[in-house]
PDB file of N, CA and C in Angstrom:
ATOM      1  N   MET A   1     -79.918  42.231 145.102  1.00  0.00           N
ATOM      2  CA  MET A   1     -79.279  43.469 145.314  1.00  0.00           C
ATOM      3  C   MET A   1     -78.378  43.404 146.580  1.00  0.00           C
ATOM      4  N   ASP A   2     -77.323  44.065 146.549  1.00  0.00           N
ATOM      5  CA  ASP A   2     -76.380  44.091 147.659  1.00  0.00           C
ATOM      6  C   ASP A   2     -77.018  44.917 148.781  1.00  0.00           C
ATOM      7  N   GLN A   3     -77.087  44.345 149.970  1.00  0.00           N
ATOM      8  CA  GLN A   3     -77.655  45.042 151.120  1.00  0.00           C
ATOM      9  C   GLN A   3     -76.951  46.337 151.424  1.00  0.00           C
ATOM     10  N   HIS A   4     -75.639  46.438 151.112  1.00  0.00           N
ATOM     11  CA  HIS A   4     -74.868  47.594 151.450  1.00  0.00           C
ATOM     12  C   HIS A   4     -75.113  48.770 150.454  1.00  0.00           C
ATOM     13  N   SER A   5     -75.847  48.493 149.365  1.00  0.00           N
ATOM     14  CA  SER A   5     -76.013  49.536 148.393  1.00  0.00           C
ATOM     15  C   SER A   5     -77.250  50.365 148.691  1.00  0.00           C
ATOM     16  N   LEU A   6     -78.195  49.826 149.486  1.00  0.00           N
ATOM     17  CA  LEU A   6     -79.417  50.494 149.880  1.00  0.00           C
ATOM     18  C   LEU A   6     -79.805  49.986 151.204  1.00  0.00           C
ATOM     19  N   GLN A   7     -80.127  50.832 152.140  1.00  0.00           N
ATOM     20  CA  GLN A   7     -80.419  50.399 153.528  1.00  0.00           C
ATOM     21  C   GLN A   7     -81.704  51.051 154.067  1.00  0.00           C
ATOM     22  N   LEU A   8     -82.386  50.347 154.900  1.00  0.00           N
ATOM     23  CA  LEU A   8     -83.544  50.828 155.670  1.00  0.00           C
ATOM     24  C   LEU A   8     -83.116  50.706 157.103  1.00  0.00           C
ATOM     25  N   SER A   9     -83.150  51.824 157.817  1.00  0.00           N
ATOM     26  CA  SER A   9     -82.731  51.801 159.228  1.00  0.00           C
ATOM     27  C   SER A   9     -83.761  51.059 160.086  1.00  0.00           C
ATOM     28  N   PRO A  10     -83.353  50.554 161.243  1.00  0.00           N
ATOM     29  CA  PRO A  10     -84.323  49.911 162.153  1.00  0.00           C
ATOM     30  C   PRO A  10     -85.481  50.773 162.547  1.00  0.00           C
ATOM     31  N   SER A  11     -85.224  52.121 162.783  1.00  0.00           N
ATOM     32  CA  SER A  11     -86.345  52.968 163.121  1.00  0.00           C
ATOM     33  C   SER A  11     -87.328  53.186 161.935  1.00  0.00           C
ATOM     34  N   ALA A  12     -86.756  53.261 160.731  1.00  0.00           N
ATOM     35  CA  ALA A  12     -87.643  53.393 159.540  1.00  0.00           C
ATOM     36  C   ALA A  12     -88.461  52.087 159.371  1.00  0.00           C
ATOM     37  N   ALA A  13     -87.756  50.959 159.562  1.00  0.00           N
ATOM     38  CA  ALA A  13     -88.429  49.659 159.425  1.00  0.00           C
ATOM     39  C   ALA A  13     -89.626  49.548 160.407  1.00  0.00           C
ATOM     40  N   ALA A  14     -89.371  49.975 161.620  1.00  0.00           N
ATOM     41  CA  ALA A  14     -90.398  49.927 162.663  1.00  0.00           C
ATOM     42  C   ALA A  14     -91.607  50.821 162.280  1.00  0.00           C
ATOM     43  N   ARG A  15     -91.343  51.989 161.736  1.00  0.00           N
ATOM     44  CA  ARG A  15     -92.369  52.895 161.371  1.00  0.00           C
ATOM     45  C   ARG A  15     -93.149  52.404 160.218  1.00  0.00           C
ATOM     46  N   VAL A  16     -92.524  51.850 159.211  1.00  0.00           N
ATOM     47  CA  VAL A  16     -93.186  51.249 158.080  1.00  0.00           C
ATOM     48  C   VAL A  16     -94.082  50.114 158.515  1.00  0.00           C
ATOM     49  N   ALA A  17     -93.586  49.265 159.468  1.00  0.00           N
ATOM     50  CA  ALA A  17     -94.315  48.092 159.920  1.00  0.00           C
ATOM     51  C   ALA A  17     -95.580  48.601 160.637  1.00  0.00           C
ATOM     52  N   ALA A  18     -95.476  49.705 161.403  1.00  0.00           N
ATOM     53  CA  ALA A  18     -96.635  50.219 162.172  1.00  0.00           C
ATOM     54  C   ALA A  18     -97.662  50.792 161.147  1.00  0.00           C
ATOM     55  N   ILE A  19     -97.208  51.560 160.203  1.00  0.00           N
ATOM     56  CA  ILE A  19     -98.150  52.124 159.236  1.00  0.00           C
ATOM     57  C   ILE A  19     -98.830  51.078 158.432  1.00  0.00           C
ATOM     58  N   ALA A  20     -98.081  50.088 157.940  1.00  0.00           N
ATOM     59  CA  ALA A  20     -98.625  48.998 157.107  1.00  0.00           C
ATOM     60  C   ALA A  20     -99.624  48.206 157.954  1.00  0.00           C
ATOM     61  N   SER A  21     -99.384  47.943 159.140  1.00  0.00           N
ATOM     62  CA  SER A  21    -100.279  47.201 160.023  1.00  0.00           C
ATOM     63  C   SER A  21    -101.610  47.970 160.183  1.00  0.00           C
ATOM     64  N   LYS A  22    -101.528  49.241 160.399  1.00  0.00           N
ATOM     65  CA  LYS A  22    -102.742  50.058 160.559  1.00  0.00           C
ATOM     66  C   LYS A  22    -103.621  50.050 159.255  1.00  0.00           C
ATOM     67  N   GLN A  23    -102.910  50.033 158.121  1.00  0.00           N
ATOM     68  CA  GLN A  23    -103.601  50.062 156.830  1.00  0.00           C
ATOM     69  C   GLN A  23    -103.872  48.694 156.278  1.00  0.00           C
ATOM     70  N   GLY A  24    -103.487  47.564 156.946  1.00  0.00           N
ATOM     71  CA  GLY A  24    -103.758  46.290 156.511  1.00  0.00           C
ATOM     72  C   GLY A  24    -102.971  45.917 155.232  1.00  0.00           C
ATOM     73  N   LYS A  25    -101.760  46.465 155.049  1.00  0.00           N
ATOM     74  CA  LYS A  25    -100.975  46.270 153.879  1.00  0.00           C
ATOM     75  C   LYS A  25     -99.676  45.541 154.202  1.00  0.00           C
ATOM     76  N   PRO A  26     -98.957  45.002 153.222  1.00  0.00           N
ATOM     77  CA  PRO A  26     -97.649  44.401 153.459  1.00  0.00           C
ATOM     78  C   PRO A  26     -96.669  45.505 153.886  1.00  0.00           C
ATOM     79  N   ALA A  27     -95.639  45.164 154.722  1.00  0.00           N
ATOM     80  CA  ALA A  27     -94.625  46.075 155.145  1.00  0.00           C
ATOM     81  C   ALA A  27     -93.592  46.289 154.047  1.00  0.00           C
ATOM     82  N   ILE A  28     -93.968  47.001 153.008  1.00  0.00           N
ATOM     83  CA  ILE A  28     -93.128  47.273 151.857  1.00  0.00           C
ATOM     84  C   ILE A  28     -93.107  48.756 151.553  1.00  0.00           C
ATOM     85  N   LEU A  29     -92.045  49.424 151.709  1.00  0.00           N
ATOM     86  CA  LEU A  29     -91.898  50.867 151.493  1.00  0.00           C
ATOM     87  C   LEU A  29     -91.264  51.058 150.112  1.00  0.00           C
ATOM     88  N   ARG A  30     -91.928  51.804 149.230  1.00  0.00           N
ATOM     89  CA  ARG A  30     -91.436  52.160 147.956  1.00  0.00           C
ATOM     90  C   ARG A  30     -90.784  53.537 147.977  1.00  0.00           C
ATOM     91  N   LEU A  31     -89.566  53.628 147.622  1.00  0.00           N
ATOM     92  CA  LEU A  31     -88.893  54.906 147.435  1.00  0.00           C
ATOM     93  C   LEU A  31     -88.660  55.191 145.954  1.00  0.00           C
ATOM     94  N   ALA A  32     -89.165  56.362 145.497  1.00  0.00           N
ATOM     95  CA  ALA A  32     -89.002  56.729 144.131  1.00  0.00           C
ATOM     96  C   ALA A  32     -88.432  58.151 144.107  1.00  0.00           C
ATOM     97  N   VAL A  33     -87.856  58.478 142.990  1.00  0.00           N
ATOM     98  CA  VAL A  33     -87.356  59.853 142.756  1.00  0.00           C
ATOM     99  C   VAL A  33     -88.096  60.446 141.609  1.00  0.00           C
ATOM    100  N   GLU A  34     -88.604  61.682 141.800  1.00  0.00           N
ATOM    101  CA  GLU A  34     -89.291  62.444 140.697  1.00  0.00           C
ATOM    102  C   GLU A  34     -88.665  63.719 140.523  1.00  0.00           C
ATOM    103  N   GLY A  35     -88.845  64.281 139.296  1.00  0.00           N
ATOM    104  CA  GLY A  35     -88.434  65.583 139.053  1.00  0.00           C
ATOM    105  C   GLY A  35     -89.252  66.604 139.751  1.00  0.00           C
ATOM    106  N   GLY A  36     -88.610  67.667 140.279  1.00  0.00           N
ATOM    107  CA  GLY A  36     -89.397  68.677 140.985  1.00  0.00           C
ATOM    108  C   GLY A  36     -88.725  69.017 142.278  1.00  0.00           C
ATOM    109  N   GLY A  37     -89.465  69.737 143.172  1.00  0.00           N
ATOM    110  CA  GLY A  37     -88.925  70.168 144.421  1.00  0.00           C
ATOM    111  C   GLY A  37     -87.991  71.390 144.254  1.00  0.00           C
ATOM    112  N   CYS A  38     -87.504  71.921 145.324  1.00  0.00           N
ATOM    113  CA  CYS A  38     -86.710  73.108 145.227  1.00  0.00           C
ATOM    114  C   CYS A  38     -85.338  72.905 144.691  1.00  0.00           C
ATOM    115  N   SER A  39     -84.839  71.683 144.687  1.00  0.00           N
ATOM    116  CA  SER A  39     -83.480  71.374 144.243  1.00  0.00           C
ATOM    117  C   SER A  39     -83.365  70.570 142.974  1.00  0.00           C
ATOM    118  N   GLY A  40     -84.470  70.236 142.302  1.00  0.00           N
ATOM    119  CA  GLY A  40     -84.455  69.503 141.052  1.00  0.00           C
ATOM    120  C   GLY A  40     -85.006  68.125 141.110  1.00  0.00           C
ATOM    121  N   PHE A  41     -84.818  67.416 142.197  1.00  0.00           N
ATOM    122  CA  PHE A  41     -85.377  66.028 142.348  1.00  0.00           C
ATOM    123  C   PHE A  41     -86.070  65.978 143.748  1.00  0.00           C
ATOM    124  N   GLN A  42     -87.093  65.168 143.851  1.00  0.00           N
ATOM    125  CA  GLN A  42     -87.705  64.967 145.177  1.00  0.00           C
ATOM    126  C   GLN A  42     -87.984  63.516 145.380  1.00  0.00           C
ATOM    127  N   TYR A  43     -87.944  63.126 146.688  1.00  0.00           N
ATOM    128  CA  TYR A  43     -88.192  61.773 147.096  1.00  0.00           C
ATOM    129  C   TYR A  43     -89.692  61.562 147.227  1.00  0.00           C
ATOM    130  N   LYS A  44     -90.128  60.409 146.827  1.00  0.00           N
ATOM    131  CA  LYS A  44     -91.627  60.040 146.973  1.00  0.00           C
ATOM    132  C   LYS A  44     -91.652  58.718 147.718  1.00  0.00           C
ATOM    133  N   PHE A  45     -92.421  58.620 148.856  1.00  0.00           N
ATOM    134  CA  PHE A  45     -92.540  57.410 149.567  1.00  0.00           C
ATOM    135  C   PHE A  45     -93.980  56.936 149.529  1.00  0.00           C
ATOM    136  N   GLY A  46     -94.190  55.630 149.525  1.00  0.00           N
ATOM    137  CA  GLY A  46     -95.519  55.068 149.557  1.00  0.00           C
ATOM    138  C   GLY A  46     -95.416  53.563 149.906  1.00  0.00           C
ATOM    139  N   LEU A  47     -96.493  52.987 150.416  1.00  0.00           N
ATOM    140  CA  LEU A  47     -96.539  51.563 150.592  1.00  0.00           C
ATOM    141  C   LEU A  47     -96.827  50.864 149.303  1.00  0.00           C
ATOM    142  N   ALA A  48     -96.172  49.731 149.129  1.00  0.00           N
ATOM    143  CA  ALA A  48     -96.336  48.954 147.920  1.00  0.00           C
ATOM    144  C   ALA A  48     -97.044  47.659 148.278  1.00  0.00           C
ATOM    145  N   ASP A  49     -97.810  47.093 147.399  1.00  0.00           N
ATOM    146  CA  ASP A  49     -98.449  45.747 147.681  1.00  0.00           C
ATOM    147  C   ASP A  49     -97.494  44.589 147.440  1.00  0.00           C
ATOM    148  N   ALA A  50     -96.528  44.833 146.486  1.00  0.00           N
ATOM    149  CA  ALA A  50     -95.489  43.829 146.190  1.00  0.00           C
ATOM    150  C   ALA A  50     -94.387  44.472 145.395  1.00  0.00           C
ATOM    151  N   PRO A  51     -93.185  43.942 145.451  1.00  0.00           N
ATOM    152  CA  PRO A  51     -92.099  44.501 144.601  1.00  0.00           C
ATOM    153  C   PRO A  51     -92.419  44.168 143.110  1.00  0.00           C
ATOM    154  N   GLU A  52     -91.959  45.062 142.269  1.00  0.00           N
ATOM    155  CA  GLU A  52     -92.050  44.793 140.837  1.00  0.00           C
ATOM    156  C   GLU A  52     -90.878  43.906 140.506  1.00  0.00           C
ATOM    157  N   PRO A  53     -90.926  43.169 139.334  1.00  0.00           N
ATOM    158  CA  PRO A  53     -89.883  42.251 138.986  1.00  0.00           C
ATOM    159  C   PRO A  53     -88.468  42.932 138.852  1.00  0.00           C
ATOM    160  N   ASP A  54     -88.436  44.151 138.412  1.00  0.00           N
ATOM    161  CA  ASP A  54     -87.114  44.775 138.170  1.00  0.00           C
ATOM    162  C   ASP A  54     -86.694  45.727 139.362  1.00  0.00           C
ATOM    163  N   ASP A  55     -87.480  45.734 140.465  1.00  0.00           N
ATOM    164  CA  ASP A  55     -87.075  46.472 141.619  1.00  0.00           C
ATOM    165  C   ASP A  55     -85.862  45.942 142.329  1.00  0.00           C
ATOM    166  N   SER A  56     -85.136  46.856 142.987  1.00  0.00           N
ATOM    167  CA  SER A  56     -84.138  46.453 143.922  1.00  0.00           C
ATOM    168  C   SER A  56     -84.775  46.444 145.277  1.00  0.00           C
ATOM    169  N   VAL A  57     -84.343  45.461 146.094  1.00  0.00           N
ATOM    170  CA  VAL A  57     -85.014  45.295 147.379  1.00  0.00           C
ATOM    171  C   VAL A  57     -83.950  45.170 148.495  1.00  0.00           C
ATOM    172  N   ALA A  58     -84.200  45.878 149.556  1.00  0.00           N
ATOM    173  CA  ALA A  58     -83.364  45.769 150.736  1.00  0.00           C
ATOM    174  C   ALA A  58     -84.352  45.440 151.924  1.00  0.00           C
ATOM    175  N   GLU A  59     -83.888  44.648 152.873  1.00  0.00           N
ATOM    176  CA  GLU A  59     -84.824  44.224 153.922  1.00  0.00           C
ATOM    177  C   GLU A  59     -84.199  44.466 155.306  1.00  0.00           C
ATOM    178  N   THR A  60     -84.952  44.988 156.246  1.00  0.00           N
ATOM    179  CA  THR A  60     -84.528  45.170 157.620  1.00  0.00           C
ATOM    180  C   THR A  60     -85.664  44.779 158.519  1.00  0.00           C
ATOM    181  N   ASP A  61     -85.409  43.879 159.444  1.00  0.00           N
ATOM    182  CA  ASP A  61     -86.375  43.415 160.365  1.00  0.00           C
ATOM    183  C   ASP A  61     -87.749  42.970 159.775  1.00  0.00           C
ATOM    184  N   GLY A  62     -87.599  42.326 158.570  1.00  0.00           N
ATOM    185  CA  GLY A  62     -88.767  41.822 157.913  1.00  0.00           C
ATOM    186  C   GLY A  62     -89.556  42.845 157.045  1.00  0.00           C
ATOM    187  N   VAL A  63     -89.050  44.112 157.054  1.00  0.00           N
ATOM    188  CA  VAL A  63     -89.619  45.154 156.290  1.00  0.00           C
ATOM    189  C   VAL A  63     -88.826  45.378 155.013  1.00  0.00           C
ATOM    190  N   ARG A  64     -89.477  45.441 153.882  1.00  0.00           N
ATOM    191  CA  ARG A  64     -88.726  45.686 152.619  1.00  0.00           C
ATOM    192  C   ARG A  64     -88.731  47.101 152.122  1.00  0.00           C
ATOM    193  N   LEU A  65     -87.649  47.578 151.595  1.00  0.00           N
ATOM    194  CA  LEU A  65     -87.509  48.802 150.886  1.00  0.00           C
ATOM    195  C   LEU A  65     -87.344  48.464 149.427  1.00  0.00           C
ATOM    196  N   VAL A  66     -88.211  48.996 148.568  1.00  0.00           N
ATOM    197  CA  VAL A  66     -88.063  48.707 147.146  1.00  0.00           C
ATOM    198  C   VAL A  66     -87.864  49.997 146.329  1.00  0.00           C
ATOM    199  N   VAL A  67     -87.025  49.869 145.317  1.00  0.00           N
ATOM    200  CA  VAL A  67     -86.658  51.032 144.456  1.00  0.00           C
ATOM    201  C   VAL A  67     -86.619  50.601 143.018  1.00  0.00           C
ATOM    202  N   ASP A  68     -87.305  51.341 142.158  1.00  0.00           N
ATOM    203  CA  ASP A  68     -87.224  51.029 140.707  1.00  0.00           C
ATOM    204  C   ASP A  68     -85.873  51.338 140.143  1.00  0.00           C
ATOM    205  N   PRO A  69     -85.529  50.771 138.958  1.00  0.00           N
ATOM    206  CA  PRO A  69     -84.199  50.914 138.433  1.00  0.00           C
ATOM    207  C   PRO A  69     -83.854  52.329 138.014  1.00  0.00           C
ATOM    208  N   VAL A  70     -84.759  53.159 137.622  1.00  0.00           N
ATOM    209  CA  VAL A  70     -84.432  54.545 137.253  1.00  0.00           C
ATOM    210  C   VAL A  70     -84.112  55.364 138.507  1.00  0.00           C
ATOM    211  N   SER A  71     -84.893  55.230 139.529  1.00  0.00           N
ATOM    212  CA  SER A  71     -84.639  55.915 140.798  1.00  0.00           C
ATOM    213  C   SER A  71     -83.385  55.408 141.445  1.00  0.00           C
ATOM    214  N   LEU A  72     -83.113  54.133 141.309  1.00  0.00           N
ATOM    215  CA  LEU A  72     -81.880  53.591 141.940  1.00  0.00           C
ATOM    216  C   LEU A  72     -80.616  54.281 141.527  1.00  0.00           C
ATOM    217  N   ASP A  73     -80.539  54.676 140.317  1.00  0.00           N
ATOM    218  CA  ASP A  73     -79.342  55.421 139.861  1.00  0.00           C
ATOM    219  C   ASP A  73     -79.118  56.690 140.703  1.00  0.00           C
ATOM    220  N   LEU A  74     -80.178  57.284 141.199  1.00  0.00           N
ATOM    221  CA  LEU A  74     -80.079  58.548 141.974  1.00  0.00           C
ATOM    222  C   LEU A  74     -79.923  58.363 143.501  1.00  0.00           C
ATOM    223  N   VAL A  75     -80.286  57.136 143.967  1.00  0.00           N
ATOM    224  CA  VAL A  75     -80.263  56.876 145.391  1.00  0.00           C
ATOM    225  C   VAL A  75     -79.304  55.725 145.820  1.00  0.00           C
ATOM    226  N   GLN A  76     -78.486  55.231 144.866  1.00  0.00           N
ATOM    227  CA  GLN A  76     -77.599  54.128 145.136  1.00  0.00           C
ATOM    228  C   GLN A  76     -76.703  54.498 146.404  1.00  0.00           C
ATOM    229  N   GLY A  77     -76.651  53.532 147.374  1.00  0.00           N
ATOM    230  CA  GLY A  77     -75.847  53.767 148.519  1.00  0.00           C
ATOM    231  C   GLY A  77     -76.531  54.539 149.631  1.00  0.00           C
ATOM    232  N   CYS A  78     -77.809  54.874 149.499  1.00  0.00           N
ATOM    233  CA  CYS A  78     -78.517  55.679 150.465  1.00  0.00           C
ATOM    234  C   CYS A  78     -79.017  54.870 151.690  1.00  0.00           C
ATOM    235  N   VAL A  79     -79.285  55.623 152.741  1.00  0.00           N
ATOM    236  CA  VAL A  79     -79.880  55.018 153.958  1.00  0.00           C
ATOM    237  C   VAL A  79     -81.214  55.742 154.136  1.00  0.00           C
ATOM    238  N   VAL A  80     -82.320  55.003 154.280  1.00  0.00           N
ATOM    239  CA  VAL A  80     -83.588  55.602 154.580  1.00  0.00           C
ATOM    240  C   VAL A  80     -83.787  55.463 156.078  1.00  0.00           C
ATOM    241  N   ASP A  81     -84.011  56.598 156.749  1.00  0.00           N
ATOM    242  CA  ASP A  81     -84.155  56.634 158.215  1.00  0.00           C
ATOM    243  C   ASP A  81     -85.472  57.288 158.527  1.00  0.00           C
ATOM    244  N   PHE A  82     -85.937  57.068 159.771  1.00  0.00           N
ATOM    245  CA  PHE A  82     -87.147  57.774 160.316  1.00  0.00           C
ATOM    246  C   PHE A  82     -86.689  58.550 161.532  1.00  0.00           C
ATOM    247  N   VAL A  83     -86.937  59.837 161.513  1.00  0.00           N
ATOM    248  CA  VAL A  83     -86.453  60.682 162.597  1.00  0.00           C
ATOM    249  C   VAL A  83     -87.680  61.488 163.190  1.00  0.00           C
ATOM    250  N   GLU A  84     -87.594  61.591 164.506  1.00  0.00           N
ATOM    251  CA  GLU A  84     -88.627  62.344 165.281  1.00  0.00           C
ATOM    252  C   GLU A  84     -87.877  63.431 165.982  1.00  0.00           C
ATOM    253  N   SER A  85     -88.441  64.648 165.878  1.00  0.00           N
ATOM    254  CA  SER A  85     -87.855  65.839 166.504  1.00  0.00           C
ATOM    255  C   SER A  85     -88.954  66.745 166.962  1.00  0.00           C
ATOM    256  N   LEU A  86     -88.617  67.883 167.601  1.00  0.00           N
ATOM    257  CA  LEU A  86     -89.628  68.891 167.911  1.00  0.00           C
ATOM    258  C   LEU A  86     -90.355  69.361 166.689  1.00  0.00           C
ATOM    259  N   GLY A  87     -89.703  69.390 165.532  1.00  0.00           N
ATOM    260  CA  GLY A  87     -90.231  69.872 164.305  1.00  0.00           C
ATOM    261  C   GLY A  87     -91.221  68.907 163.642  1.00  0.00           C
ATOM    262  N   GLY A  88     -91.225  67.638 164.115  1.00  0.00           N
ATOM    263  CA  GLY A  88     -92.166  66.696 163.530  1.00  0.00           C
ATOM    264  C   GLY A  88     -91.370  65.379 163.285  1.00  0.00           C
ATOM    265  N   ALA A  89     -92.059  64.502 162.623  1.00  0.00           N
ATOM    266  CA  ALA A  89     -91.460  63.146 162.357  1.00  0.00           C
ATOM    267  C   ALA A  89     -91.573  62.957 160.872  1.00  0.00           C
ATOM    268  N   ALA A  90     -90.481  62.326 160.269  1.00  0.00           N
ATOM    269  CA  ALA A  90     -90.457  62.116 158.869  1.00  0.00           C
ATOM    270  C   ALA A  90     -89.406  61.066 158.482  1.00  0.00           C
ATOM    271  N   PHE A  91     -89.620  60.473 157.286  1.00  0.00           N
ATOM    272  CA  PHE A  91     -88.559  59.651 156.746  1.00  0.00           C
ATOM    273  C   PHE A  91     -87.558  60.595 156.153  1.00  0.00           C
ATOM    274  N   ARG A  92     -86.195  60.273 156.321  1.00  0.00           N
ATOM    275  CA  ARG A  92     -85.142  61.028 155.795  1.00  0.00           C
ATOM    276  C   ARG A  92     -84.204  60.104 155.008  1.00  0.00           C
ATOM    277  N   VAL A  93     -83.778  60.567 153.817  1.00  0.00           N
ATOM    278  CA  VAL A  93     -82.896  59.847 152.983  1.00  0.00           C
ATOM    279  C   VAL A  93     -81.513  60.449 153.123  1.00  0.00           C
ATOM    280  N   GLU A  94     -80.551  59.629 153.543  1.00  0.00           N
ATOM    281  CA  GLU A  94     -79.143  60.048 153.587  1.00  0.00           C
ATOM    282  C   GLU A  94     -78.529  59.579 152.269  1.00  0.00           C
ATOM    283  N   ASN A  95     -78.391  60.504 151.307  1.00  0.00           N
ATOM    284  CA  ASN A  95     -78.083  60.118 149.958  1.00  0.00           C
ATOM    285  C   ASN A  95     -76.722  60.595 149.624  1.00  0.00           C
ATOM    286  N   PRO A  96     -75.683  59.668 149.451  1.00  0.00           N
ATOM    287  CA  PRO A  96     -74.349  60.067 149.090  1.00  0.00           C
ATOM    288  C   PRO A  96     -74.185  60.641 147.701  1.00  0.00           C
ATOM    289  N   ASN A  97     -75.203  60.500 146.894  1.00  0.00           N
ATOM    290  CA  ASN A  97     -75.167  60.981 145.485  1.00  0.00           C
ATOM    291  C   ASN A  97     -75.632  62.449 145.386  1.00  0.00           C
ATOM    292  N   ALA A  98     -76.205  62.979 146.434  1.00  0.00           N
ATOM    293  CA  ALA A  98     -76.812  64.308 146.406  1.00  0.00           C
ATOM    294  C   ALA A  98     -75.666  65.328 146.511  1.00  0.00           C
ATOM    295  N   ALA A  99     -75.614  66.215 145.539  1.00  0.00           N
ATOM    296  CA  ALA A  99     -74.567  67.299 145.587  1.00  0.00           C
ATOM    297  C   ALA A  99     -75.091  68.479 146.355  1.00  0.00           C
ATOM    298  N   ALA A 100     -76.409  68.639 146.446  1.00  0.00           N
ATOM    299  CA  ALA A 100     -77.022  69.737 147.203  1.00  0.00           C
ATOM    300  C   ALA A 100     -78.440  69.277 147.646  1.00  0.00           C
ATOM    301  N   GLY A 101     -78.874  69.900 148.688  1.00  0.00           N
ATOM    302  CA  GLY A 101     -80.263  69.643 149.142  1.00  0.00           C
ATOM    303  C   GLY A 101     -80.930  70.934 149.573  1.00  0.00           C
ATOM    304  N   CYS A 102     -82.137  70.754 150.099  1.00  0.00           N
ATOM    305  CA  CYS A 102     -82.827  72.002 150.506  1.00  0.00           C
ATOM    306  C   CYS A 102     -83.136  71.852 151.996  1.00  0.00           C
ATOM    307  N   GLY A 103     -83.643  72.902 152.587  1.00  0.00           N
ATOM    308  CA  GLY A 103     -83.907  72.937 153.982  1.00  0.00           C
ATOM    309  C   GLY A 103     -84.978  71.944 154.425  1.00  0.00           C
ATOM    310  N   CYS A 104     -85.905  71.655 153.565  1.00  0.00           N
ATOM    311  CA  CYS A 104     -87.011  70.734 153.916  1.00  0.00           C
ATOM    312  C   CYS A 104     -86.602  69.307 153.973  1.00  0.00           C
ATOM    313  N   GLY A 105     -85.454  68.947 153.286  1.00  0.00           N
ATOM    314  CA  GLY A 105     -84.919  67.582 153.342  1.00  0.00           C
ATOM    315  C   GLY A 105     -85.585  66.620 152.411  1.00  0.00           C
ATOM    316  N   SER A 106     -86.547  67.088 151.595  1.00  0.00           N
ATOM    317  CA  SER A 106     -87.216  66.161 150.696  1.00  0.00           C
ATOM    318  C   SER A 106     -86.869  66.378 149.244  1.00  0.00           C
ATOM    319  N   SER A 107     -85.894  67.319 149.010  1.00  0.00           N
ATOM    320  CA  SER A 107     -85.537  67.658 147.619  1.00  0.00           C
ATOM    321  C   SER A 107     -83.972  67.649 147.591  1.00  0.00           C
ATOM    322  N   PHE A 108     -83.456  67.314 146.416  1.00  0.00           N
ATOM    323  CA  PHE A 108     -82.007  67.219 146.252  1.00  0.00           C
ATOM    324  C   PHE A 108     -81.586  67.515 144.853  1.00  0.00           C
ATOM    325  N   ALA A 109     -80.279  67.683 144.629  1.00  0.00           N
ATOM    326  CA  ALA A 109     -79.735  67.848 143.319  1.00  0.00           C
ATOM    327  C   ALA A 109     -78.487  66.952 143.213  1.00  0.00           C
ATOM    328  N   VAL A 110     -78.204  66.449 142.007  1.00  0.00           N
ATOM    329  CA  VAL A 110     -77.026  65.662 141.765  1.00  0.00           C
ATOM    330  C   VAL A 110     -75.985  66.335 140.959  1.00  0.00           C
TER     331      VAL A 110
END
């Protein structure tokens, strides 16, 4: 997969590495898209044990971001970031395919 089509920011990579280390798992973040949320689709994050054969993979600082082919159609070109603010800390997807989003930042429409 082309590194420019899907990216994991250095801050997101560092956070995934820290979480994976605490849980004794590989530093692999799976991003999936599911139906639901306030705008039609929602992002789902989780640690993966290994990429699936048909996954697209991007790597930053030794941490991998994996996305299944169905979800990739909806997040192609995105950047996964980790942001901390007074309101809390969370992974954020900067998705150029999203036509609309919601205030919570975890739901979008195309």
